[in-house]
Amino acid sequence: MKSTAAKQKSALVIDSKDNVAVALSDLIKGNICSVRIGENANMIEVLEDIPFGHKIAVKDLDADEQVLKYGEEIGRMHVPIKKGGWVHNHNMFCERGKKSG
C-alpha cells in the first residue's frame, strides 16, 4: 500500500532565497501541494494547473518583482501573481542573453 506522502503532490524549493519551487509532478488546480524547503514542508493550494518541472510561486509576487530560483534572479514578473500560481514565460520575463541596441 502506498503511503500518503507518496501520493502527495509536491514541489521543491532549491535555495532558501527562492520565491518559487519546482513542481516534482503535474500539479492540478485546487489540489494542496507540499512544498519542501530543506527538511520542512509547507502546504500551498495550487491556483492553476502547473506542469511537471515548472515553477509555482511560494509567496505573492508583485509586478516587476524578481523571480528567484537557485538563489539567483532568473527573471521578473510581468504581472502580480498569488502564492500557488504558475510562474512561467507567460507572466514573467528575462533580459539575460538579449542583445541591446
Protein backbone atom coordinates (compact mmCIF):
# COMPACT_ATOMS: atom_id res chain seq x y z
CA MET A 1 0.00 0.00 0.00
CA LYS A 2 1.35 3.43 -0.93
CA SER A 3 1.92 5.94 1.85
CA THR A 4 0.07 9.27 1.95
CA ALA A 5 3.41 11.03 1.35
CA ALA A 6 3.93 9.08 -1.87
CA LYS A 7 0.51 10.26 -3.17
CA GLN A 8 1.10 13.87 -2.07
CA LYS A 9 1.68 16.28 -4.95
CA SER A 10 4.89 18.11 -4.23
CA ALA A 11 7.34 20.81 -5.23
CA LEU A 12 10.87 21.66 -4.13
CA VAL A 13 12.49 24.99 -3.23
CA ILE A 14 16.08 24.65 -4.44
CA ASP A 15 17.65 27.51 -2.42
CA SER A 16 16.30 29.12 0.76
CA LYS A 17 16.28 32.54 -1.02
CA ASP A 18 13.95 31.29 -3.78
CA ASN A 19 10.40 32.60 -4.11
CA VAL A 20 9.41 29.78 -6.48
CA ALA A 21 9.50 25.99 -6.19
CA VAL A 22 9.86 23.37 -8.92
CA ALA A 23 6.88 21.02 -9.44
CA LEU A 24 8.00 17.41 -8.91
CA SER A 25 4.83 16.15 -10.62
CA ASP A 26 1.94 17.69 -12.56
CA LEU A 27 0.05 19.93 -10.13
CA ILE A 28 -3.71 20.30 -10.54
CA LYS A 29 -5.73 23.45 -9.74
CA GLY A 30 -7.39 23.16 -6.33
CA ASN A 31 -5.03 20.47 -5.01
CA ILE A 32 -2.86 21.07 -1.97
CA CYS A 33 0.85 20.87 -2.73
CA SER A 34 3.55 20.01 -0.21
CA VAL A 35 6.45 22.39 -0.86
CA ARG A 36 9.74 21.17 0.56
CA ILE A 37 12.15 23.78 1.84
CA GLY A 38 15.13 21.86 3.22
CA GLU A 39 13.76 19.43 5.81
CA ASN A 40 10.48 21.35 6.21
CA ALA A 41 7.30 21.23 4.16
CA ASN A 42 4.68 23.95 3.66
CA MET A 43 1.24 23.31 2.23
CA ILE A 44 0.15 25.56 -0.67
CA GLU A 45 -3.12 25.48 -2.62
CA VAL A 46 -2.42 25.16 -6.36
CA LEU A 47 -4.24 28.02 -8.14
CA GLU A 48 -3.91 26.68 -11.71
CA ASP A 49 -2.64 23.56 -13.45
CA ILE A 50 1.17 23.53 -13.36
CA PRO A 51 3.14 21.01 -15.43
CA PHE A 52 5.94 18.86 -14.01
CA GLY A 53 9.23 20.79 -13.87
CA HIS A 54 7.59 24.22 -13.97
CA LYS A 55 7.57 26.84 -11.21
CA ILE A 56 4.96 27.51 -8.52
CA ALA A 57 5.01 30.76 -6.52
CA VAL A 58 5.67 30.13 -2.83
CA LYS A 59 4.61 33.70 -1.94
CA ASP A 60 2.64 36.50 -3.56
CA LEU A 61 4.79 38.21 -6.21
CA ASP A 62 4.27 41.80 -7.44
CA ALA A 63 4.61 43.06 -11.00
CA ASP A 64 8.32 43.68 -11.76
CA GLU A 65 9.38 41.66 -8.69
CA GLN A 66 12.42 39.40 -9.08
CA VAL A 67 11.80 35.69 -9.62
CA LEU A 68 14.42 33.83 -7.59
CA LYS A 69 15.45 30.26 -8.36
CA TYR A 70 18.79 28.64 -7.45
CA GLY A 71 19.21 31.68 -5.16
CA GLU A 72 19.55 33.90 -8.26
CA GLU A 73 17.28 36.17 -10.25
CA ILE A 74 16.00 34.28 -13.29
CA GLY A 75 13.54 36.94 -14.39
CA ARG A 76 10.89 39.43 -13.28
CA MET A 77 7.12 39.27 -13.13
CA HIS A 78 5.08 41.00 -15.87
CA VAL A 79 2.01 40.93 -13.62
CA PRO A 80 1.30 40.22 -9.96
CA ILE A 81 0.69 36.59 -9.04
CA LYS A 82 -0.65 34.94 -5.91
CA LYS A 83 1.06 32.23 -3.88
CA GLY A 84 0.27 28.93 -5.59
CA GLY A 85 0.22 30.40 -9.11
CA TRP A 86 2.15 29.15 -12.15
CA VAL A 87 5.29 31.20 -12.88
CA HIS A 88 6.39 30.80 -16.49
CA ASN A 89 7.20 32.92 -19.54
CA HIS A 90 3.52 33.83 -19.99
CA ASN A 91 3.73 36.04 -16.87
CA MET A 92 7.46 36.68 -16.35
CA PHE A 93 10.30 37.99 -18.50
CA CYS A 94 14.07 37.76 -18.54
CA GLU A 95 16.53 40.22 -20.04
CA ARG A 96 19.53 37.88 -19.76
CA GLY A 97 21.07 36.99 -23.09
CA LYS A 98 19.20 39.65 -25.03
CA LYS A 99 21.26 41.98 -27.16
CA SER A 100 20.85 45.69 -26.50
CA GLY A 101 20.73 48.28 -29.28
